[in-house]
């Protein structure tokens, strides 16, 4: 079973530097392999800082769900979205 977008968002929003997490989708089986896609709005002044935040997001998701592969699209802080899932 895939992971509910709300469960992913709850974890991701705890990561320092994450402003918003939206367009979340997952597929696969928890305990085997889950693929997660999302868009993030981050508070970062450069690509290096944004990359660090995305790595922290991946660590948090792996700690909670085990084997996950995460694809993250980073958006600027000026972007606004209230959408959680596709």
PDB file of N, CA and C in Angstrom:
ATOM      1  N   UNK A   1       0.840  -1.178   0.000  1.00  0.00           N
ATOM      2  CA  UNK A   1       0.000   0.000   0.000  1.00  0.00           C
ATOM      3  C   UNK A   1       0.885   1.241   0.000  1.00  0.00           C
ATOM      4  N   UNK A   2       0.483   2.241  -0.746  1.00  0.00           N
ATOM      5  CA  UNK A   2       1.198   3.513  -0.794  1.00  0.00           C
ATOM      6  C   UNK A   2       0.968   4.280   0.512  1.00  0.00           C
ATOM      7  N   UNK A   3       1.683   5.368   0.661  1.00  0.00           N
ATOM      8  CA  UNK A   3       1.602   6.185   1.871  1.00  0.00           C
ATOM      9  C   UNK A   3       0.679   7.368   1.602  1.00  0.00           C
ATOM     10  N   UNK A   4      -0.201   7.666   2.551  1.00  0.00           N
ATOM     11  CA  UNK A   4      -1.124   8.794   2.405  1.00  0.00           C
ATOM     12  C   UNK A   4      -0.334  10.098   2.290  1.00  0.00           C
ATOM     13  N   UNK A   5      -0.729  10.986   1.373  1.00  0.00           N
ATOM     14  CA  UNK A   5      -0.031  12.261   1.220  1.00  0.00           C
ATOM     15  C   UNK A   5       0.044  13.062   2.518  1.00  0.00           C
ATOM     16  N   UNK A   6      -1.011  12.984   3.317  1.00  0.00           N
ATOM     17  CA  UNK A   6      -1.030  13.728   4.576  1.00  0.00           C
ATOM     18  C   UNK A   6       0.037  13.226   5.543  1.00  0.00           C
ATOM     19  N   UNK A   7       0.287  11.916   5.553  1.00  0.00           N
ATOM     20  CA  UNK A   7       1.323  11.346   6.422  1.00  0.00           C
ATOM     21  C   UNK A   7       2.702  11.813   5.979  1.00  0.00           C
ATOM     22  N   UNK A   8       2.910  11.865   4.675  1.00  0.00           N
ATOM     23  CA  UNK A   8       4.188  12.356   4.149  1.00  0.00           C
ATOM     24  C   UNK A   8       4.356  13.828   4.499  1.00  0.00           C
ATOM     25  N   UNK A   9       3.311  14.609   4.278  1.00  0.00           N
ATOM     26  CA  UNK A   9       3.388  16.039   4.564  1.00  0.00           C
ATOM     27  C   UNK A   9       3.698  16.298   6.038  1.00  0.00           C
ATOM     28  N   UNK A  10       3.069  15.552   6.944  1.00  0.00           N
ATOM     29  CA  UNK A  10       3.317  15.737   8.376  1.00  0.00           C
ATOM     30  C   UNK A  10       4.793  15.577   8.713  1.00  0.00           C
ATOM     31  N   UNK A  11       5.445  14.606   8.115  1.00  0.00           N
ATOM     32  CA  UNK A  11       6.865  14.360   8.377  1.00  0.00           C
ATOM     33  C   UNK A  11       7.730  15.438   7.736  1.00  0.00           C
ATOM     34  N   UNK A  12       7.451  15.743   6.483  1.00  0.00           N
ATOM     35  CA  UNK A  12       8.270  16.703   5.739  1.00  0.00           C
ATOM     36  C   UNK A  12       8.215  18.090   6.373  1.00  0.00           C
ATOM     37  N   UNK A  13       7.056  18.493   6.857  1.00  0.00           N
ATOM     38  CA  UNK A  13       6.917  19.830   7.434  1.00  0.00           C
ATOM     39  C   UNK A  13       7.694  20.000   8.738  1.00  0.00           C
ATOM     40  N   UNK A  14       8.189  18.915   9.317  1.00  0.00           N
ATOM     41  CA  UNK A  14       9.010  18.993  10.529  1.00  0.00           C
ATOM     42  C   UNK A  14      10.471  19.310  10.221  1.00  0.00           C
ATOM     43  N   UNK A  15      10.861  19.232   8.958  1.00  0.00           N
ATOM     44  CA  UNK A  15      12.251  19.458   8.568  1.00  0.00           C
ATOM     45  C   UNK A  15      12.524  20.960   8.505  1.00  0.00           C
ATOM     46  N   UNK A  16      13.547  21.435   9.222  1.00  0.00           N
ATOM     47  CA  UNK A  16      13.883  22.863   9.175  1.00  0.00           C
ATOM     48  C   UNK A  16      14.179  23.316   7.744  1.00  0.00           C
ATOM     49  N   UNK A  17      13.619  24.466   7.380  1.00  0.00           N
ATOM     50  CA  UNK A  17      13.824  25.019   6.049  1.00  0.00           C
ATOM     51  C   UNK A  17      12.694  24.735   5.087  1.00  0.00           C
ATOM     52  N   UNK A  18      11.823  23.778   5.418  1.00  0.00           N
ATOM     53  CA  UNK A  18      10.680  23.471   4.550  1.00  0.00           C
ATOM     54  C   UNK A  18       9.550  24.446   4.873  1.00  0.00           C
ATOM     55  N   UNK A  19       9.096  25.159   3.854  1.00  0.00           N
ATOM     56  CA  UNK A  19       8.001  26.115   4.009  1.00  0.00           C
ATOM     57  C   UNK A  19       6.672  25.471   3.628  1.00  0.00           C
ATOM     58  N   UNK A  20       6.690  24.650   2.574  1.00  0.00           N
ATOM     59  CA  UNK A  20       5.469  24.035   2.071  1.00  0.00           C
ATOM     60  C   UNK A  20       5.823  22.758   1.327  1.00  0.00           C
ATOM     61  N   UNK A  21       4.956  21.784   1.423  1.00  0.00           N
ATOM     62  CA  UNK A  21       5.115  20.512   0.720  1.00  0.00           C
ATOM     63  C   UNK A  21       3.786  20.236   0.024  1.00  0.00           C
ATOM     64  N   UNK A  22       3.818  20.069  -1.305  1.00  0.00           N
ATOM     65  CA  UNK A  22       2.571  19.885  -2.051  1.00  0.00           C
ATOM     66  C   UNK A  22       2.820  18.984  -3.253  1.00  0.00           C
ATOM     67  N   UNK A  23       1.749  18.698  -3.992  1.00  0.00           N
ATOM     68  CA  UNK A  23       1.797  17.771  -5.132  1.00  0.00           C
ATOM     69  C   UNK A  23       2.505  16.471  -4.740  1.00  0.00           C
ATOM     70  N   UNK A  24       2.043  15.885  -3.658  1.00  0.00           N
ATOM     71  CA  UNK A  24       2.634  14.664  -3.106  1.00  0.00           C
ATOM     72  C   UNK A  24       1.952  13.444  -3.717  1.00  0.00           C
ATOM     73  N   UNK A  25       2.755  12.488  -4.138  1.00  0.00           N
ATOM     74  CA  UNK A  25       2.230  11.220  -4.645  1.00  0.00           C
ATOM     75  C   UNK A  25       3.175  10.107  -4.215  1.00  0.00           C
ATOM     76  N   UNK A  26       2.619   8.938  -3.937  1.00  0.00           N
ATOM     77  CA  UNK A  26       3.467   7.785  -3.620  1.00  0.00           C
ATOM     78  C   UNK A  26       2.858   6.534  -4.235  1.00  0.00           C
ATOM     79  N   UNK A  27       3.728   5.580  -4.495  1.00  0.00           N
ATOM     80  CA  UNK A  27       3.280   4.281  -5.010  1.00  0.00           C
ATOM     81  C   UNK A  27       4.262   3.235  -4.518  1.00  0.00           C
ATOM     82  N   UNK A  28       3.817   2.018  -4.452  1.00  0.00           N
ATOM     83  CA  UNK A  28       4.657   0.928  -3.979  1.00  0.00           C
ATOM     84  C   UNK A  28       4.100   0.329  -2.702  1.00  0.00           C
ATOM     85  N   UNK A  29       4.919  -0.470  -2.031  1.00  0.00           N
ATOM     86  CA  UNK A  29       4.507  -1.159  -0.810  1.00  0.00           C
ATOM     87  C   UNK A  29       5.437  -0.812   0.338  1.00  0.00           C
ATOM     88  N   UNK A  30       4.855  -0.303   1.426  1.00  0.00           N
ATOM     89  CA  UNK A  30       5.642  -0.037   2.626  1.00  0.00           C
ATOM     90  C   UNK A  30       6.245  -1.350   3.089  1.00  0.00           C
ATOM     91  N   UNK A  31       7.517  -1.334   3.439  1.00  0.00           N
ATOM     92  CA  UNK A  31       8.210  -2.551   3.834  1.00  0.00           C
ATOM     93  C   UNK A  31       9.002  -3.157   2.699  1.00  0.00           C
ATOM     94  N   UNK A  32       8.671  -2.772   1.487  1.00  0.00           N
ATOM     95  CA  UNK A  32       9.429  -3.215   0.310  1.00  0.00           C
ATOM     96  C   UNK A  32      10.094  -1.997  -0.309  1.00  0.00           C
ATOM     97  N   UNK A  33       9.394  -1.343  -1.202  1.00  0.00           N
ATOM     98  CA  UNK A  33       9.913  -0.138  -1.856  1.00  0.00           C
ATOM     99  C   UNK A  33       8.760   0.804  -2.132  1.00  0.00           C
ATOM    100  N   UNK A  34       8.913   2.047  -1.704  1.00  0.00           N
ATOM    101  CA  UNK A  34       7.916   3.074  -1.974  1.00  0.00           C
ATOM    102  C   UNK A  34       8.602   4.207  -2.733  1.00  0.00           C
ATOM    103  N   UNK A  35       7.939   4.678  -3.775  1.00  0.00           N
ATOM    104  CA  UNK A  35       8.419   5.813  -4.552  1.00  0.00           C
ATOM    105  C   UNK A  35       7.571   7.023  -4.171  1.00  0.00           C
ATOM    106  N   UNK A  36       8.232   8.102  -3.794  1.00  0.00           N
ATOM    107  CA  UNK A  36       7.537   9.313  -3.366  1.00  0.00           C
ATOM    108  C   UNK A  36       7.968  10.470  -4.265  1.00  0.00           C
ATOM    109  N   UNK A  37       6.992  11.222  -4.737  1.00  0.00           N
ATOM    110  CA  UNK A  37       7.249  12.442  -5.503  1.00  0.00           C
ATOM    111  C   UNK A  37       6.594  13.595  -4.768  1.00  0.00           C
ATOM    112  N   UNK A  38       7.240  14.759  -4.808  1.00  0.00           N
ATOM    113  CA  UNK A  38       6.665  15.937  -4.159  1.00  0.00           C
ATOM    114  C   UNK A  38       7.309  17.207  -4.677  1.00  0.00           C
ATOM    115  N   UNK A  39       6.626  18.300  -4.446  1.00  0.00           N
ATOM    116  CA  UNK A  39       7.190  19.623  -4.683  1.00  0.00           C
ATOM    117  C   UNK A  39       7.405  20.259  -3.313  1.00  0.00           C
ATOM    118  N   UNK A  40       8.530  20.946  -3.154  1.00  0.00           N
ATOM    119  CA  UNK A  40       8.837  21.621  -1.897  1.00  0.00           C
ATOM    120  C   UNK A  40       9.097  23.095  -2.139  1.00  0.00           C
ATOM    121  N   UNK A  41       8.604  23.903  -1.243  1.00  0.00           N
ATOM    122  CA  UNK A  41       9.022  25.295  -1.164  1.00  0.00           C
ATOM    123  C   UNK A  41       9.950  25.355   0.038  1.00  0.00           C
ATOM    124  N   UNK A  42      11.171  25.824  -0.201  1.00  0.00           N
ATOM    125  CA  UNK A  42      12.170  25.827   0.866  1.00  0.00           C
ATOM    126  C   UNK A  42      12.703  27.231   1.100  1.00  0.00           C
ATOM    127  N   UNK A  43      13.153  27.444   2.326  1.00  0.00           N
ATOM    128  CA  UNK A  43      13.801  28.703   2.680  1.00  0.00           C
ATOM    129  C   UNK A  43      15.304  28.492   2.541  1.00  0.00           C
ATOM    130  N   UNK A  44      15.810  28.807   1.359  1.00  0.00           N
ATOM    131  CA  UNK A  44      17.229  28.607   1.074  1.00  0.00           C
ATOM    132  C   UNK A  44      17.716  29.727   0.168  1.00  0.00           C
ATOM    133  N   UNK A  45      18.919  30.186   0.447  1.00  0.00           N
ATOM    134  CA  UNK A  45      19.474  31.292  -0.330  1.00  0.00           C
ATOM    135  C   UNK A  45      20.200  30.833  -1.585  1.00  0.00           C
ATOM    136  N   UNK A  46      20.509  29.533  -1.665  1.00  0.00           N
ATOM    137  CA  UNK A  46      21.214  29.033  -2.838  1.00  0.00           C
ATOM    138  C   UNK A  46      20.889  27.552  -3.040  1.00  0.00           C
ATOM    139  N   UNK A  47      21.356  27.022  -4.151  1.00  0.00           N
ATOM    140  CA  UNK A  47      21.067  25.632  -4.501  1.00  0.00           C
ATOM    141  C   UNK A  47      21.673  24.672  -3.482  1.00  0.00           C
ATOM    142  N   UNK A  48      22.850  24.986  -2.984  1.00  0.00           N
ATOM    143  CA  UNK A  48      23.499  24.108  -2.005  1.00  0.00           C
ATOM    144  C   UNK A  48      22.645  23.958  -0.746  1.00  0.00           C
ATOM    145  N   UNK A  49      22.106  25.063  -0.249  1.00  0.00           N
ATOM    146  CA  UNK A  49      21.248  24.996   0.941  1.00  0.00           C
ATOM    147  C   UNK A  49      19.944  24.259   0.645  1.00  0.00           C
ATOM    148  N   UNK A  50      19.374  24.505  -0.530  1.00  0.00           N
ATOM    149  CA  UNK A  50      18.145  23.801  -0.915  1.00  0.00           C
ATOM    150  C   UNK A  50      18.398  22.300  -1.001  1.00  0.00           C
ATOM    151  N   UNK A  51      19.544  21.930  -1.555  1.00  0.00           N
ATOM    152  CA  UNK A  51      19.899  20.512  -1.663  1.00  0.00           C
ATOM    153  C   UNK A  51      20.028  19.872  -0.281  1.00  0.00           C
ATOM    154  N   UNK A  52      20.622  20.576   0.660  1.00  0.00           N
ATOM    155  CA  UNK A  52      20.763  20.061   2.031  1.00  0.00           C
ATOM    156  C   UNK A  52      19.385  19.807   2.646  1.00  0.00           C
ATOM    157  N   UNK A  53      18.460  20.715   2.427  1.00  0.00           N
ATOM    158  CA  UNK A  53      17.104  20.541   2.962  1.00  0.00           C
ATOM    159  C   UNK A  53      16.451  19.306   2.353  1.00  0.00           C
ATOM    160  N   UNK A  54      16.598  19.108   1.044  1.00  0.00           N
ATOM    161  CA  UNK A  54      15.994  17.928   0.418  1.00  0.00           C
ATOM    162  C   UNK A  54      16.621  16.640   0.937  1.00  0.00           C
ATOM    163  N   UNK A  55      17.920  16.661   1.209  1.00  0.00           N
ATOM    164  CA  UNK A  55      18.558  15.474   1.795  1.00  0.00           C
ATOM    165  C   UNK A  55      18.003  15.191   3.185  1.00  0.00           C
ATOM    166  N   UNK A  56      17.774  16.238   3.969  1.00  0.00           N
ATOM    167  CA  UNK A  56      17.178  16.065   5.302  1.00  0.00           C
ATOM    168  C   UNK A  56      15.768  15.482   5.194  1.00  0.00           C
ATOM    169  N   UNK A  57      15.007  15.933   4.210  1.00  0.00           N
ATOM    170  CA  UNK A  57      13.663  15.394   3.978  1.00  0.00           C
ATOM    171  C   UNK A  57      13.749  13.896   3.695  1.00  0.00           C
ATOM    172  N   UNK A  58      14.668  13.501   2.826  1.00  0.00           N
ATOM    173  CA  UNK A  58      14.828  12.085   2.493  1.00  0.00           C
ATOM    174  C   UNK A  58      15.190  11.259   3.723  1.00  0.00           C
ATOM    175  N   UNK A  59      16.075  11.774   4.568  1.00  0.00           N
ATOM    176  CA  UNK A  59      16.464  11.062   5.794  1.00  0.00           C
ATOM    177  C   UNK A  59      15.245  10.862   6.696  1.00  0.00           C
ATOM    178  N   UNK A  60      14.461  11.911   6.901  1.00  0.00           N
ATOM    179  CA  UNK A  60      13.271  11.805   7.753  1.00  0.00           C
ATOM    180  C   UNK A  60      12.286  10.767   7.208  1.00  0.00           C
ATOM    181  N   UNK A  61      12.082  10.768   5.896  1.00  0.00           N
ATOM    182  CA  UNK A  61      11.145   9.809   5.302  1.00  0.00           C
ATOM    183  C   UNK A  61      11.656   8.376   5.427  1.00  0.00           C
ATOM    184  N   UNK A  62      12.952   8.172   5.250  1.00  0.00           N
ATOM    185  CA  UNK A  62      13.523   6.818   5.398  1.00  0.00           C
ATOM    186  C   UNK A  62      13.439   6.335   6.848  1.00  0.00           C
ATOM    187  N   UNK A  63      13.655   7.244   7.788  1.00  0.00           N
ATOM    188  CA  UNK A  63      13.555   6.862   9.200  1.00  0.00           C
ATOM    189  C   UNK A  63      12.145   6.390   9.533  1.00  0.00           C
ATOM    190  N   UNK A  64      11.150   6.998   8.920  1.00  0.00           N
ATOM    191  CA  UNK A  64       9.762   6.653   9.232  1.00  0.00           C
ATOM    192  C   UNK A  64       9.242   5.470   8.423  1.00  0.00           C
ATOM    193  N   UNK A  65       9.587   5.405   7.124  1.00  0.00           N
ATOM    194  CA  UNK A  65       8.969   4.419   6.244  1.00  0.00           C
ATOM    195  C   UNK A  65       9.922   3.350   5.720  1.00  0.00           C
ATOM    196  N   UNK A  66      11.183   3.423   6.037  1.00  0.00           N
ATOM    197  CA  UNK A  66      12.130   2.421   5.545  1.00  0.00           C
ATOM    198  C   UNK A  66      12.582   2.717   4.135  1.00  0.00           C
ATOM    199  N   UNK A  67      12.498   1.723   3.280  1.00  0.00           N
ATOM    200  CA  UNK A  67      13.018   1.826   1.921  1.00  0.00           C
ATOM    201  C   UNK A  67      12.119   2.700   1.048  1.00  0.00           C
ATOM    202  N   UNK A  68      12.556   3.936   0.832  1.00  0.00           N
ATOM    203  CA  UNK A  68      11.825   4.850  -0.044  1.00  0.00           C
ATOM    204  C   UNK A  68      12.789   5.477  -1.045  1.00  0.00           C
ATOM    205  N   UNK A  69      12.276   5.753  -2.224  1.00  0.00           N
ATOM    206  CA  UNK A  69      13.007   6.525  -3.232  1.00  0.00           C
ATOM    207  C   UNK A  69      12.218   7.802  -3.424  1.00  0.00           C
ATOM    208  N   UNK A  70      12.899   8.923  -3.262  1.00  0.00           N
ATOM    209  CA  UNK A  70      12.216  10.209  -3.231  1.00  0.00           C
ATOM    210  C   UNK A  70      12.679  11.093  -4.388  1.00  0.00           C
ATOM    211  N   UNK A  71      11.715  11.678  -5.083  1.00  0.00           N
ATOM    212  CA  UNK A  71      11.991  12.657  -6.129  1.00  0.00           C
ATOM    213  C   UNK A  71      11.364  13.980  -5.692  1.00  0.00           C
ATOM    214  N   UNK A  72      12.209  15.008  -5.564  1.00  0.00           N
ATOM    215  CA  UNK A  72      11.746  16.293  -5.036  1.00  0.00           C
ATOM    216  C   UNK A  72      11.992  17.399  -6.057  1.00  0.00           C
ATOM    217  N   UNK A  73      10.947  18.154  -6.336  1.00  0.00           N
ATOM    218  CA  UNK A  73      11.038  19.340  -7.186  1.00  0.00           C
ATOM    219  C   UNK A  73      11.027  20.545  -6.249  1.00  0.00           C
ATOM    220  N   UNK A  74      12.102  21.328  -6.248  1.00  0.00           N
ATOM    221  CA  UNK A  74      12.214  22.484  -5.354  1.00  0.00           C
ATOM    222  C   UNK A  74      11.691  23.727  -6.065  1.00  0.00           C
ATOM    223  N   UNK A  75      10.871  24.484  -5.332  1.00  0.00           N
ATOM    224  CA  UNK A  75      10.318  25.721  -5.868  1.00  0.00           C
ATOM    225  C   UNK A  75      10.748  26.891  -4.990  1.00  0.00           C
ATOM    226  N   UNK A  76      10.766  28.101  -5.568  1.00  0.00           N
ATOM    227  CA  UNK A  76      11.217  29.267  -4.805  1.00  0.00           C
ATOM    228  C   UNK A  76      10.234  29.640  -3.706  1.00  0.00           C
ATOM    229  N   UNK A  77      10.729  30.377  -2.743  1.00  0.00           N
ATOM    230  CA  UNK A  77       9.923  30.756  -1.580  1.00  0.00           C
ATOM    231  C   UNK A  77       8.724  31.621  -1.985  1.00  0.00           C
ATOM    232  N   UNK A  78       8.794  32.276  -3.130  1.00  0.00           N
ATOM    233  CA  UNK A  78       7.690  33.126  -3.584  1.00  0.00           C
ATOM    234  C   UNK A  78       6.524  32.337  -4.169  1.00  0.00           C
ATOM    235  N   UNK A  79       6.733  31.035  -4.459  1.00  0.00           N
ATOM    236  CA  UNK A  79       5.674  30.186  -5.009  1.00  0.00           C
ATOM    237  C   UNK A  79       4.675  29.850  -3.915  1.00  0.00           C
ATOM    238  N   UNK A  80       3.392  29.826  -4.247  1.00  0.00           N
ATOM    239  CA  UNK A  80       2.364  29.502  -3.262  1.00  0.00           C
ATOM    240  C   UNK A  80       1.498  28.354  -3.753  1.00  0.00           C
ATOM    241  N   UNK A  81       1.212  27.412  -2.838  1.00  0.00           N
ATOM    242  CA  UNK A  81       0.319  26.306  -3.161  1.00  0.00           C
ATOM    243  C   UNK A  81      -0.273  25.739  -1.885  1.00  0.00           C
ATOM    244  N   UNK A  82      -1.566  25.479  -1.908  1.00  0.00           N
ATOM    245  CA  UNK A  82      -2.243  24.819  -0.788  1.00  0.00           C
ATOM    246  C   UNK A  82      -2.554  23.370  -1.114  1.00  0.00           C
ATOM    247  N   UNK A  83      -2.232  22.938  -2.322  1.00  0.00           N
ATOM    248  CA  UNK A  83      -2.520  21.575  -2.766  1.00  0.00           C
ATOM    249  C   UNK A  83      -1.613  20.587  -2.040  1.00  0.00           C
ATOM    250  N   UNK A  84      -2.177  19.496  -1.526  1.00  0.00           N
ATOM    251  CA  UNK A  84      -1.385  18.476  -0.848  1.00  0.00           C
ATOM    252  C   UNK A  84      -1.051  17.340  -1.795  1.00  0.00           C
ATOM    253  N   UNK A  85      -2.020  16.838  -2.543  1.00  0.00           N
ATOM    254  CA  UNK A  85      -1.754  15.696  -3.416  1.00  0.00           C
ATOM    255  C   UNK A  85      -2.256  15.978  -4.823  1.00  0.00           C
ATOM    256  N   UNK A  86      -1.899  15.081  -5.752  1.00  0.00           N
ATOM    257  CA  UNK A  86      -2.306  15.236  -7.144  1.00  0.00           C
ATOM    258  C   UNK A  86      -3.811  15.161  -7.259  1.00  0.00           C
TER     259      UNK A  86
END
